[in-house]
Amino acid sequence: VEDGRVTTNAGITSGTVGALRLVERLAGRAEAGRIGESLAYPGW
C-alpha cells in the first residue's frame, strides 16, 4: 500500500513486489523490469 512517500508491505513475499515498486519509483520502469525479470518472481 502506498500513501504518499510511504510504502508498506503485507509480508515477506509481498516485500519483493513492494521493493520492485520502489525501484520503479526511484530508478524507473526499465530498471524495475530488468530486476523483476532477473528475479523470475512468479506472476510478477
PDB file of all heavy atoms in Angstrom:
ATOM      1  N   VAL A   1       0.863  -1.179   0.000  1.00  0.00           N
ATOM      2  CA  VAL A   1       0.000   0.000   0.000  1.00  0.00           C
ATOM      3  C   VAL A   1       0.898   1.226   0.000  1.00  0.00           C
ATOM      4  O   VAL A   1       1.871   1.296   0.756  1.00  0.00           O
ATOM      5  CB  VAL A   1      -0.923   0.024   1.246  1.00  0.00           C
ATOM      6  CG1 VAL A   1      -1.731   1.311   1.297  1.00  0.00           C
ATOM      7  CG2 VAL A   1      -1.844  -1.186   1.243  1.00  0.00           C
ATOM      8  N   GLU A   2       0.580   2.171  -0.860  1.00  0.00           N
ATOM      9  CA  GLU A   2       1.325   3.422  -0.929  1.00  0.00           C
ATOM     10  C   GLU A   2       0.478   4.556  -0.375  1.00  0.00           C
ATOM     11  O   GLU A   2      -0.696   4.666  -0.705  1.00  0.00           O
ATOM     12  CB  GLU A   2       1.714   3.731  -2.373  1.00  0.00           C
ATOM     13  CG  GLU A   2       2.659   2.710  -2.952  1.00  0.00           C
ATOM     14  CD  GLU A   2       3.005   3.010  -4.391  1.00  0.00           C
ATOM     15  OE1 GLU A   2       2.105   2.899  -5.238  1.00  0.00           O
ATOM     16  OE2 GLU A   2       4.155   3.369  -4.642  1.00  0.00           O
ATOM     17  N   ASP A   3       1.095   5.364   0.450  1.00  0.00           N
ATOM     18  CA  ASP A   3       0.439   6.550   0.990  1.00  0.00           C
ATOM     19  C   ASP A   3       1.447   7.684   0.885  1.00  0.00           C
ATOM     20  O   ASP A   3       2.310   7.846   1.755  1.00  0.00           O
ATOM     21  CB  ASP A   3       0.009   6.327   2.440  1.00  0.00           C
ATOM     22  CG  ASP A   3      -0.790   7.496   2.997  1.00  0.00           C
ATOM     23  OD1 ASP A   3      -1.173   8.394   2.214  1.00  0.00           O
ATOM     24  OD2 ASP A   3      -1.018   7.514   4.210  1.00  0.00           O
ATOM     25  N   GLY A   4       1.377   8.395  -0.213  1.00  0.00           N
ATOM     26  CA  GLY A   4       2.379   9.430  -0.458  1.00  0.00           C
ATOM     27  C   GLY A   4       3.740   8.795  -0.666  1.00  0.00           C
ATOM     28  O   GLY A   4       3.903   7.931  -1.509  1.00  0.00           O
ATOM     29  N   ARG A   5       4.705   9.182   0.157  1.00  0.00           N
ATOM     30  CA  ARG A   5       6.060   8.651   0.034  1.00  0.00           C
ATOM     31  C   ARG A   5       6.284   7.380   0.843  1.00  0.00           C
ATOM     32  O   ARG A   5       7.370   6.820   0.827  1.00  0.00           O
ATOM     33  CB  ARG A   5       7.057   9.716   0.470  1.00  0.00           C
ATOM     34  CG  ARG A   5       7.014  10.944  -0.435  1.00  0.00           C
ATOM     35  CD  ARG A   5       8.006  11.969  -0.017  1.00  0.00           C
ATOM     36  NE  ARG A   5       9.350  11.394  -0.122  1.00  0.00           N
ATOM     37  CZ  ARG A   5      10.434  11.965   0.324  1.00  0.00           C
ATOM     38  NH1 ARG A   5      10.366  13.127   0.916  1.00  0.00           N
ATOM     39  NH2 ARG A   5      11.606  11.388   0.206  1.00  0.00           N
ATOM     40  N   VAL A   6       5.265   6.919   1.561  1.00  0.00           N
ATOM     41  CA  VAL A   6       5.396   5.737   2.414  1.00  0.00           C
ATOM     42  C   VAL A   6       4.773   4.527   1.713  1.00  0.00           C
ATOM     43  O   VAL A   6       3.644   4.582   1.245  1.00  0.00           O
ATOM     44  CB  VAL A   6       4.708   5.963   3.782  1.00  0.00           C
ATOM     45  CG1 VAL A   6       4.747   4.711   4.625  1.00  0.00           C
ATOM     46  CG2 VAL A   6       5.353   7.132   4.506  1.00  0.00           C
ATOM     47  N   THR A   7       5.538   3.430   1.678  1.00  0.00           N
ATOM     48  CA  THR A   7       5.046   2.168   1.127  1.00  0.00           C
ATOM     49  C   THR A   7       5.196   1.104   2.198  1.00  0.00           C
ATOM     50  O   THR A   7       6.262   0.966   2.790  1.00  0.00           O
ATOM     51  CB  THR A   7       5.853   1.756  -0.121  1.00  0.00           C
ATOM     52  OG1 THR A   7       5.733   2.777  -1.105  1.00  0.00           O
ATOM     53  CG2 THR A   7       5.359   0.444  -0.700  1.00  0.00           C
ATOM     54  N   THR A   8       4.125   0.372   2.466  1.00  0.00           N
ATOM     55  CA  THR A   8       4.181  -0.730   3.423  1.00  0.00           C
ATOM     56  C   THR A   8       3.840  -2.019   2.698  1.00  0.00           C
ATOM     57  O   THR A   8       3.094  -2.020   1.716  1.00  0.00           O
ATOM     58  CB  THR A   8       3.208  -0.516   4.599  1.00  0.00           C
ATOM     59  OG1 THR A   8       1.884  -0.345   4.086  1.00  0.00           O
ATOM     60  CG2 THR A   8       3.589   0.711   5.410  1.00  0.00           C
ATOM     61  N   ASN A   9       4.405  -3.132   3.195  1.00  0.00           N
ATOM     62  CA  ASN A   9       4.203  -4.443   2.575  1.00  0.00           C
ATOM     63  C   ASN A   9       3.375  -5.337   3.469  1.00  0.00           C
ATOM     64  O   ASN A   9       3.405  -5.210   4.686  1.00  0.00           O
ATOM     65  CB  ASN A   9       5.552  -5.125   2.323  1.00  0.00           C
ATOM     66  CG  ASN A   9       6.392  -4.353   1.355  1.00  0.00           C
ATOM     67  OD1 ASN A   9       5.946  -4.016   0.276  1.00  0.00           O
ATOM     68  ND2 ASN A   9       7.613  -4.050   1.748  1.00  0.00           N
ATOM     69  N   ALA A  10       2.693  -6.297   2.836  1.00  0.00           N
ATOM     70  CA  ALA A  10       1.826  -7.216   3.573  1.00  0.00           C
ATOM     71  C   ALA A  10       2.618  -8.312   4.272  1.00  0.00           C
ATOM     72  O   ALA A  10       2.180  -8.830   5.283  1.00  0.00           O
ATOM     73  CB  ALA A  10       0.804  -7.845   2.634  1.00  0.00           C
ATOM     74  N   GLY A  11       3.760  -8.692   3.763  1.00  0.00           N
ATOM     75  CA  GLY A  11       4.512  -9.788   4.375  1.00  0.00           C
ATOM     76  C   GLY A  11       5.792 -10.058   3.622  1.00  0.00           C
ATOM     77  O   GLY A  11       6.214  -9.257   2.787  1.00  0.00           O
ATOM     78  N   ILE A  12       6.385 -11.188   3.890  1.00  0.00           N
ATOM     79  CA  ILE A  12       7.714 -11.490   3.349  1.00  0.00           C
ATOM     80  C   ILE A  12       7.715 -11.535   1.824  1.00  0.00           C
ATOM     81  O   ILE A  12       8.479 -10.819   1.182  1.00  0.00           O
ATOM     82  CB  ILE A  12       8.249 -12.802   3.944  1.00  0.00           C
ATOM     83  CG1 ILE A  12       8.477 -12.607   5.441  1.00  0.00           C
ATOM     84  CG2 ILE A  12       9.537 -13.226   3.258  1.00  0.00           C
ATOM     85  CD1 ILE A  12       8.810 -13.851   6.195  1.00  0.00           C
ATOM     86  N   THR A  13       6.897 -12.360   1.217  1.00  0.00           N
ATOM     87  CA  THR A  13       6.919 -12.447  -0.244  1.00  0.00           C
ATOM     88  C   THR A  13       6.333 -11.196  -0.895  1.00  0.00           C
ATOM     89  O   THR A  13       6.724 -10.831  -1.993  1.00  0.00           O
ATOM     90  CB  THR A  13       6.183 -13.698  -0.763  1.00  0.00           C
ATOM     91  OG1 THR A  13       4.836 -13.665  -0.313  1.00  0.00           O
ATOM     92  CG2 THR A  13       6.861 -14.964  -0.292  1.00  0.00           C
ATOM     93  N   SER A  14       5.427 -10.525  -0.207  1.00  0.00           N
ATOM     94  CA  SER A  14       4.892  -9.265  -0.729  1.00  0.00           C
ATOM     95  C   SER A  14       5.970  -8.188  -0.732  1.00  0.00           C
ATOM     96  O   SER A  14       5.885  -7.229  -1.483  1.00  0.00           O
ATOM     97  CB  SER A  14       3.713  -8.801   0.112  1.00  0.00           C
ATOM     98  OG  SER A  14       2.646  -9.701   0.004  1.00  0.00           O
ATOM     99  N   GLY A  15       6.975  -8.364   0.104  1.00  0.00           N
ATOM    100  CA  GLY A  15       8.083  -7.416   0.142  1.00  0.00           C
ATOM    101  C   GLY A  15       8.817  -7.342  -1.178  1.00  0.00           C
ATOM    102  O   GLY A  15       9.308  -6.275  -1.559  1.00  0.00           O
ATOM    103  N   THR A  16       8.892  -8.451  -1.894  1.00  0.00           N
ATOM    104  CA  THR A  16       9.548  -8.456  -3.201  1.00  0.00           C
ATOM    105  C   THR A  16       8.789  -7.554  -4.163  1.00  0.00           C
ATOM    106  O   THR A  16       9.381  -6.722  -4.848  1.00  0.00           O
ATOM    107  CB  THR A  16       9.613  -9.896  -3.766  1.00  0.00           C
ATOM    108  OG1 THR A  16      10.330 -10.708  -2.845  1.00  0.00           O
ATOM    109  CG2 THR A  16      10.275  -9.924  -5.123  1.00  0.00           C
ATOM    110  N   VAL A  17       7.484  -7.694  -4.196  1.00  0.00           N
ATOM    111  CA  VAL A  17       6.658  -6.873  -5.090  1.00  0.00           C
ATOM    112  C   VAL A  17       6.727  -5.405  -4.668  1.00  0.00           C
ATOM    113  O   VAL A  17       6.862  -4.512  -5.504  1.00  0.00           O
ATOM    114  CB  VAL A  17       5.203  -7.385  -5.105  1.00  0.00           C
ATOM    115  CG1 VAL A  17       4.330  -6.512  -5.970  1.00  0.00           C
ATOM    116  CG2 VAL A  17       5.159  -8.820  -5.582  1.00  0.00           C
ATOM    117  N   GLY A  18       6.663  -5.147  -3.362  1.00  0.00           N
ATOM    118  CA  GLY A  18       6.762  -3.778  -2.866  1.00  0.00           C
ATOM    119  C   GLY A  18       8.115  -3.163  -3.167  1.00  0.00           C
ATOM    120  O   GLY A  18       8.209  -1.994  -3.548  1.00  0.00           O
ATOM    121  N   ALA A  19       9.178  -3.942  -3.022  1.00  0.00           N
ATOM    122  CA  ALA A  19      10.520  -3.441  -3.315  1.00  0.00           C
ATOM    123  C   ALA A  19      10.680  -3.115  -4.793  1.00  0.00           C
ATOM    124  O   ALA A  19      11.283  -2.098  -5.154  1.00  0.00           O
ATOM    125  CB  ALA A  19      11.564  -4.462  -2.886  1.00  0.00           C
ATOM    126  N   LEU A  20      10.115  -3.957  -5.655  1.00  0.00           N
ATOM    127  CA  LEU A  20      10.177  -3.669  -7.089  1.00  0.00           C
ATOM    128  C   LEU A  20       9.394  -2.409  -7.432  1.00  0.00           C
ATOM    129  O   LEU A  20       9.783  -1.651  -8.320  1.00  0.00           O
ATOM    130  CB  LEU A  20       9.686  -4.870  -7.892  1.00  0.00           C
ATOM    131  CG  LEU A  20      10.641  -6.059  -7.891  1.00  0.00           C
ATOM    132  CD1 LEU A  20       9.961  -7.292  -8.475  1.00  0.00           C
ATOM    133  CD2 LEU A  20      11.917  -5.735  -8.643  1.00  0.00           C
ATOM    134  N   ARG A  21       8.315  -2.159  -6.722  1.00  0.00           N
ATOM    135  CA  ARG A  21       7.562  -0.915  -6.926  1.00  0.00           C
ATOM    136  C   ARG A  21       8.411   0.287  -6.524  1.00  0.00           C
ATOM    137  O   ARG A  21       8.440   1.304  -7.208  1.00  0.00           O
ATOM    138  CB  ARG A  21       6.250  -0.950  -6.125  1.00  0.00           C
ATOM    139  CG  ARG A  21       5.481   0.337  -6.143  1.00  0.00           C
ATOM    140  CD  ARG A  21       5.025   0.727  -7.549  1.00  0.00           C
ATOM    141  NE  ARG A  21       4.292   1.978  -7.467  1.00  0.00           N
ATOM    142  CZ  ARG A  21       4.507   3.019  -8.248  1.00  0.00           C
ATOM    143  NH1 ARG A  21       5.406   2.955  -9.210  1.00  0.00           N
ATOM    144  NH2 ARG A  21       3.813   4.122  -8.107  1.00  0.00           N
ATOM    145  N   LEU A  22       9.157   0.166  -5.420  1.00  0.00           N
ATOM    146  CA  LEU A  22      10.037   1.255  -5.007  1.00  0.00           C
ATOM    147  C   LEU A  22      11.158   1.480  -6.020  1.00  0.00           C
ATOM    148  O   LEU A  22      11.510   2.626  -6.315  1.00  0.00           O
ATOM    149  CB  LEU A  22      10.628   0.982  -3.625  1.00  0.00           C
ATOM    150  CG  LEU A  22       9.644   1.071  -2.466  1.00  0.00           C
ATOM    151  CD1 LEU A  22      10.335   0.675  -1.164  1.00  0.00           C
ATOM    152  CD2 LEU A  22       9.074   2.473  -2.352  1.00  0.00           C
ATOM    153  N   VAL A  23      11.710   0.398  -6.556  1.00  0.00           N
ATOM    154  CA  VAL A  23      12.725   0.536  -7.599  1.00  0.00           C
ATOM    155  C   VAL A  23      12.141   1.286  -8.789  1.00  0.00           C
ATOM    156  O   VAL A  23      12.774   2.179  -9.357  1.00  0.00           O
ATOM    157  CB  VAL A  23      13.281  -0.837  -8.032  1.00  0.00           C
ATOM    158  CG1 VAL A  23      14.144  -0.719  -9.283  1.00  0.00           C
ATOM    159  CG2 VAL A  23      14.064  -1.480  -6.907  1.00  0.00           C
ATOM    160  N   GLU A  24      10.912   0.922  -9.142  1.00  0.00           N
ATOM    161  CA  GLU A  24      10.246   1.611 -10.259  1.00  0.00           C
ATOM    162  C   GLU A  24      10.121   3.102  -9.980  1.00  0.00           C
ATOM    163  O   GLU A  24      10.413   3.934 -10.840  1.00  0.00           O
ATOM    164  CB  GLU A  24       8.868   1.001 -10.499  1.00  0.00           C
ATOM    165  CG  GLU A  24       8.118   1.656 -11.633  1.00  0.00           C
ATOM    166  CD  GLU A  24       6.722   1.090 -11.818  1.00  0.00           C
ATOM    167  OE1 GLU A  24       6.278   0.236 -11.033  1.00  0.00           O
ATOM    168  OE2 GLU A  24       6.049   1.544 -12.767  1.00  0.00           O
ATOM    169  N   ARG A  25       9.721   3.457  -8.771  1.00  0.00           N
ATOM    170  CA  ARG A  25       9.553   4.875  -8.418  1.00  0.00           C
ATOM    171  C   ARG A  25      10.881   5.622  -8.388  1.00  0.00           C
ATOM    172  O   ARG A  25      10.964   6.769  -8.793  1.00  0.00           O
ATOM    173  CB  ARG A  25       8.865   5.002  -7.073  1.00  0.00           C
ATOM    174  CG  ARG A  25       7.390   4.633  -7.141  1.00  0.00           C
ATOM    175  CD  ARG A  25       6.727   4.656  -5.805  1.00  0.00           C
ATOM    176  NE  ARG A  25       6.756   5.976  -5.196  1.00  0.00           N
ATOM    177  CZ  ARG A  25       6.397   6.213  -3.947  1.00  0.00           C
ATOM    178  NH1 ARG A  25       5.985   5.219  -3.176  1.00  0.00           N
ATOM    179  NH2 ARG A  25       6.436   7.421  -3.459  1.00  0.00           N
ATOM    180  N   LEU A  26      11.933   4.960  -7.884  1.00  0.00           N
ATOM    181  CA  LEU A  26      13.218   5.636  -7.701  1.00  0.00           C
ATOM    182  C   LEU A  26      14.136   5.564  -8.916  1.00  0.00           C
ATOM    183  O   LEU A  26      14.885   6.510  -9.181  1.00  0.00           O
ATOM    184  CB  LEU A  26      13.943   5.048  -6.481  1.00  0.00           C
ATOM    185  CG  LEU A  26      13.230   5.225  -5.147  1.00  0.00           C
ATOM    186  CD1 LEU A  26      13.942   4.426  -4.058  1.00  0.00           C
ATOM    187  CD2 LEU A  26      13.147   6.697  -4.769  1.00  0.00           C
ATOM    188  N   ALA A  27      14.107   4.438  -9.634  1.00  0.00           N
ATOM    189  CA  ALA A  27      15.063   4.249 -10.731  1.00  0.00           C
ATOM    190  C   ALA A  27      14.404   4.095 -12.094  1.00  0.00           C
ATOM    191  O   ALA A  27      15.107   4.005 -13.099  1.00  0.00           O
ATOM    192  CB  ALA A  27      15.938   3.030 -10.442  1.00  0.00           C
ATOM    193  N   GLY A  28      13.073   4.012 -12.127  1.00  0.00           N
ATOM    194  CA  GLY A  28      12.365   3.929 -13.397  1.00  0.00           C
ATOM    195  C   GLY A  28      11.867   2.537 -13.734  1.00  0.00           C
ATOM    196  O   GLY A  28      12.299   1.534 -13.172  1.00  0.00           O
ATOM    197  N   ARG A  29      10.917   2.523 -14.671  1.00  0.00           N
ATOM    198  CA  ARG A  29      10.266   1.265 -15.073  1.00  0.00           C
ATOM    199  C   ARG A  29      11.238   0.284 -15.707  1.00  0.00           C
ATOM    200  O   ARG A  29      11.160  -0.913 -15.478  1.00  0.00           O
ATOM    201  CB  ARG A  29       9.127   1.553 -16.046  1.00  0.00           C
ATOM    202  CG  ARG A  29       7.938   2.214 -15.386  1.00  0.00           C
ATOM    203  CD  ARG A  29       6.824   2.508 -16.386  1.00  0.00           C
ATOM    204  NE  ARG A  29       6.279   1.343 -17.015  1.00  0.00           N
ATOM    205  CZ  ARG A  29       5.344   0.540 -16.485  1.00  0.00           C
ATOM    206  NH1 ARG A  29       4.863   0.806 -15.295  1.00  0.00           N
ATOM    207  NH2 ARG A  29       4.903  -0.503 -17.147  1.00  0.00           N
ATOM    208  N   ALA A  30      12.153   0.781 -16.515  1.00  0.00           N
ATOM    209  CA  ALA A  30      13.088  -0.118 -17.190  1.00  0.00           C
ATOM    210  C   ALA A  30      13.940  -0.879 -16.173  1.00  0.00           C
ATOM    211  O   ALA A  30      14.151  -2.092 -16.312  1.00  0.00           O
ATOM    212  CB  ALA A  30      13.974   0.663 -18.154  1.00  0.00           C
ATOM    213  N   GLU A  31      14.426  -0.176 -15.159  1.00  0.00           N
ATOM    214  CA  GLU A  31      15.257  -0.833 -14.145  1.00  0.00           C
ATOM    215  C   GLU A  31      14.438  -1.818 -13.315  1.00  0.00           C
ATOM    216  O   GLU A  31      14.893  -2.920 -13.017  1.00  0.00           O
ATOM    217  CB  GLU A  31      15.923   0.208 -13.246  1.00  0.00           C
ATOM    218  CG  GLU A  31      16.893  -0.363 -12.254  1.00  0.00           C
ATOM    219  CD  GLU A  31      18.119  -1.013 -12.886  1.00  0.00           C
ATOM    220  OE1 GLU A  31      18.290  -0.984 -14.122  1.00  0.00           O
ATOM    221  OE2 GLU A  31      18.914  -1.571 -12.128  1.00  0.00           O
ATOM    222  N   ALA A  32      13.226  -1.441 -12.932  1.00  0.00           N
ATOM    223  CA  ALA A  32      12.361  -2.358 -12.187  1.00  0.00           C
ATOM    224  C   ALA A  32      12.046  -3.591 -13.028  1.00  0.00           C
ATOM    225  O   ALA A  32      12.054  -4.715 -12.525  1.00  0.00           O
ATOM    226  CB  ALA A  32      11.075  -1.667 -11.761  1.00  0.00           C
ATOM    227  N   GLY A  33      11.797  -3.400 -14.307  1.00  0.00           N
ATOM    228  CA  GLY A  33      11.536  -4.517 -15.202  1.00  0.00           C
ATOM    229  C   GLY A  33      12.740  -5.427 -15.337  1.00  0.00           C
ATOM    230  O   GLY A  33      12.621  -6.652 -15.306  1.00  0.00           O
ATOM    231  N   ARG A  34      13.932  -4.838 -15.451  1.00  0.00           N
ATOM    232  CA  ARG A  34      15.164  -5.627 -15.572  1.00  0.00           C
ATOM    233  C   ARG A  34      15.383  -6.479 -14.319  1.00  0.00           C
ATOM    234  O   ARG A  34      15.640  -7.675 -14.408  1.00  0.00           O
ATOM    235  CB  ARG A  34      16.359  -4.703 -15.785  1.00  0.00           C
ATOM    236  CG  ARG A  34      17.672  -5.435 -16.012  1.00  0.00           C
ATOM    237  CD  ARG A  34      18.846  -4.480 -16.018  1.00  0.00           C
ATOM    238  NE  ARG A  34      19.122  -3.944 -14.694  1.00  0.00           N
ATOM    239  CZ  ARG A  34      19.734  -4.619 -13.712  1.00  0.00           C
ATOM    240  NH1 ARG A  34      20.112  -5.874 -13.897  1.00  0.00           N
ATOM    241  NH2 ARG A  34      19.959  -4.041 -12.546  1.00  0.00           N
ATOM    242  N   ILE A  35      15.238  -5.859 -13.154  1.00  0.00           N
ATOM    243  CA  ILE A  35      15.434  -6.587 -11.896  1.00  0.00           C
ATOM    244  C   ILE A  35      14.348  -7.644 -11.718  1.00  0.00           C
ATOM    245  O   ILE A  35      14.628  -8.777 -11.336  1.00  0.00           O
ATOM    246  CB  ILE A  35      15.463  -5.615 -10.708  1.00  0.00           C
ATOM    247  CG1 ILE A  35      16.696  -4.724 -10.803  1.00  0.00           C
ATOM    248  CG2 ILE A  35      15.437  -6.369  -9.383  1.00  0.00           C
ATOM    249  CD1 ILE A  35      16.698  -3.572  -9.822  1.00  0.00           C
ATOM    250  N   GLY A  36      13.096  -7.277 -11.982  1.00  0.00           N
ATOM    251  CA  GLY A  36      11.985  -8.223 -11.840  1.00  0.00           C
ATOM    252  C   GLY A  36      12.157  -9.448 -12.711  1.00  0.00           C
ATOM    253  O   GLY A  36      11.913 -10.573 -12.275  1.00  0.00           O
ATOM    254  N   GLU A  37      12.600  -9.247 -13.939  1.00  0.00           N
ATOM    255  CA  GLU A  37      12.820 -10.381 -14.836  1.00  0.00           C
ATOM    256  C   GLU A  37      13.966 -11.257 -14.347  1.00  0.00           C
ATOM    257  O   GLU A  37      13.903 -12.477 -14.421  1.00  0.00           O
ATOM    258  CB  GLU A  37      13.089  -9.892 -16.255  1.00  0.00           C
ATOM    259  CG  GLU A  37      11.847  -9.357 -16.934  1.00  0.00           C
ATOM    260  CD  GLU A  37      12.132  -8.793 -18.309  1.00  0.00           C
ATOM    261  OE1 GLU A  37      13.219  -9.077 -18.868  1.00  0.00           O
ATOM    262  OE2 GLU A  37      11.278  -8.065 -18.828  1.00  0.00           O
ATOM    263  N   SER A  38      15.017 -10.638 -13.813  1.00  0.00           N
ATOM    264  CA  SER A  38      16.151 -11.435 -13.336  1.00  0.00           C
ATOM    265  C   SER A  38      15.794 -12.214 -12.072  1.00  0.00           C
ATOM    266  O   SER A  38      16.354 -13.278 -11.822  1.00  0.00           O
ATOM    267  CB  SER A  38      17.379 -10.552 -13.090  1.00  0.00           C
ATOM    268  OG  SER A  38      17.183  -9.704 -11.989  1.00  0.00           O
ATOM    269  N   LEU A  39      14.849 -11.693 -11.255  1.00  0.00           N
ATOM    270  CA  LEU A  39      14.402 -12.418 -10.069  1.00  0.00           C
ATOM    271  C   LEU A  39      13.490 -13.581 -10.412  1.00  0.00           C
ATOM    272  O   LEU A  39      13.369 -14.527  -9.641  1.00  0.00           O
ATOM    273  CB  LEU A  39      13.646 -11.477  -9.123  1.00  0.00           C
ATOM    274  CG  LEU A  39      14.454 -10.411  -8.405  1.00  0.00           C
ATOM    275  CD1 LEU A  39      13.524  -9.510  -7.597  1.00  0.00           C
ATOM    276  CD2 LEU A  39      15.495 -11.047  -7.505  1.00  0.00           C
ATOM    277  N   ALA A  40      12.820 -13.488 -11.562  1.00  0.00           N
ATOM    278  CA  ALA A  40      11.864 -14.517 -12.001  1.00  0.00           C
ATOM    279  C   ALA A  40      10.821 -14.785 -10.917  1.00  0.00           C
ATOM    280  O   ALA A  40      10.473 -15.926 -10.636  1.00  0.00           O
ATOM    281  CB  ALA A  40      12.576 -15.797 -12.405  1.00  0.00           C
ATOM    282  N   TYR A  41      10.321 -13.723 -10.285  1.00  0.00           N
ATOM    283  CA  TYR A  41       9.305 -13.861  -9.247  1.00  0.00           C
ATOM    284  C   TYR A  41       7.995 -14.290  -9.899  1.00  0.00           C
ATOM    285  O   TYR A  41       7.517 -13.647 -10.835  1.00  0.00           O
ATOM    286  CB  TYR A  41       9.128 -12.534  -8.510  1.00  0.00           C
ATOM    287  CG  TYR A  41       8.224 -12.618  -7.317  1.00  0.00           C
ATOM    288  CD1 TYR A  41       8.670 -13.175  -6.129  1.00  0.00           C
ATOM    289  CD2 TYR A  41       6.922 -12.159  -7.380  1.00  0.00           C
ATOM    290  CE1 TYR A  41       7.844 -13.264  -5.024  1.00  0.00           C
ATOM    291  CE2 TYR A  41       6.084 -12.243  -6.283  1.00  0.00           C
ATOM    292  CZ  TYR A  41       6.550 -12.788  -5.112  1.00  0.00           C
ATOM    293  OH  TYR A  41       5.728 -12.887  -4.024  1.00  0.00           O
ATOM    294  N   PRO A  42       7.395 -15.403  -9.453  1.00  0.00           N
ATOM    295  CA  PRO A  42       6.200 -15.952 -10.113  1.00  0.00           C
ATOM    296  C   PRO A  42       5.042 -14.950 -10.187  1.00  0.00           C
ATOM    297  O   PRO A  42       4.652 -14.374  -9.183  1.00  0.00           O
ATOM    298  CB  PRO A  42       5.814 -17.144  -9.226  1.00  0.00           C
ATOM    299  CG  PRO A  42       7.017 -17.452  -8.423  1.00  0.00           C
ATOM    300  CD  PRO A  42       7.786 -16.170  -8.290  1.00  0.00           C
ATOM    301  N   GLY A  43       4.541 -14.748 -11.393  1.00  0.00           N
ATOM    302  CA  GLY A  43       3.362 -13.922 -11.592  1.00  0.00           C
ATOM    303  C   GLY A  43       3.589 -12.419 -11.551  1.00  0.00           C
ATOM    304  O   GLY A  43       2.654 -11.649 -11.686  1.00  0.00           O
ATOM    305  N   TRP A  44       4.846 -11.969 -11.390  1.00  0.00           N
ATOM    306  CA  TRP A  44       5.094 -10.536 -11.295  1.00  0.00           C
ATOM    307  C   TRP A  44       5.217  -9.907 -12.672  1.00  0.00           C
ATOM    308  O   TRP A  44       5.864 -10.443 -13.566  1.00  0.00           O
ATOM    309  CB  TRP A  44       6.377 -10.242 -10.521  1.00  0.00           C
ATOM    310  CG  TRP A  44       6.670  -8.780 -10.466  1.00  0.00           C
ATOM    311  CD1 TRP A  44       6.153  -7.885  -9.604  1.00  0.00           C
ATOM    312  CD2 TRP A  44       7.510  -8.045 -11.352  1.00  0.00           C
ATOM    313  NE1 TRP A  44       6.619  -6.628  -9.880  1.00  0.00           N
ATOM    314  CE2 TRP A  44       7.455  -6.695 -10.955  1.00  0.00           C
ATOM    315  CE3 TRP A  44       8.286  -8.380 -12.442  1.00  0.00           C
ATOM    316  CZ2 TRP A  44       8.170  -5.696 -11.604  1.00  0.00           C
ATOM    317  CZ3 TRP A  44       8.992  -7.375 -13.084  1.00  0.00           C
ATOM    318  CH2 TRP A  44       8.931  -6.060 -12.663  1.00  0.00           C
TER     319      TRP A  44
END
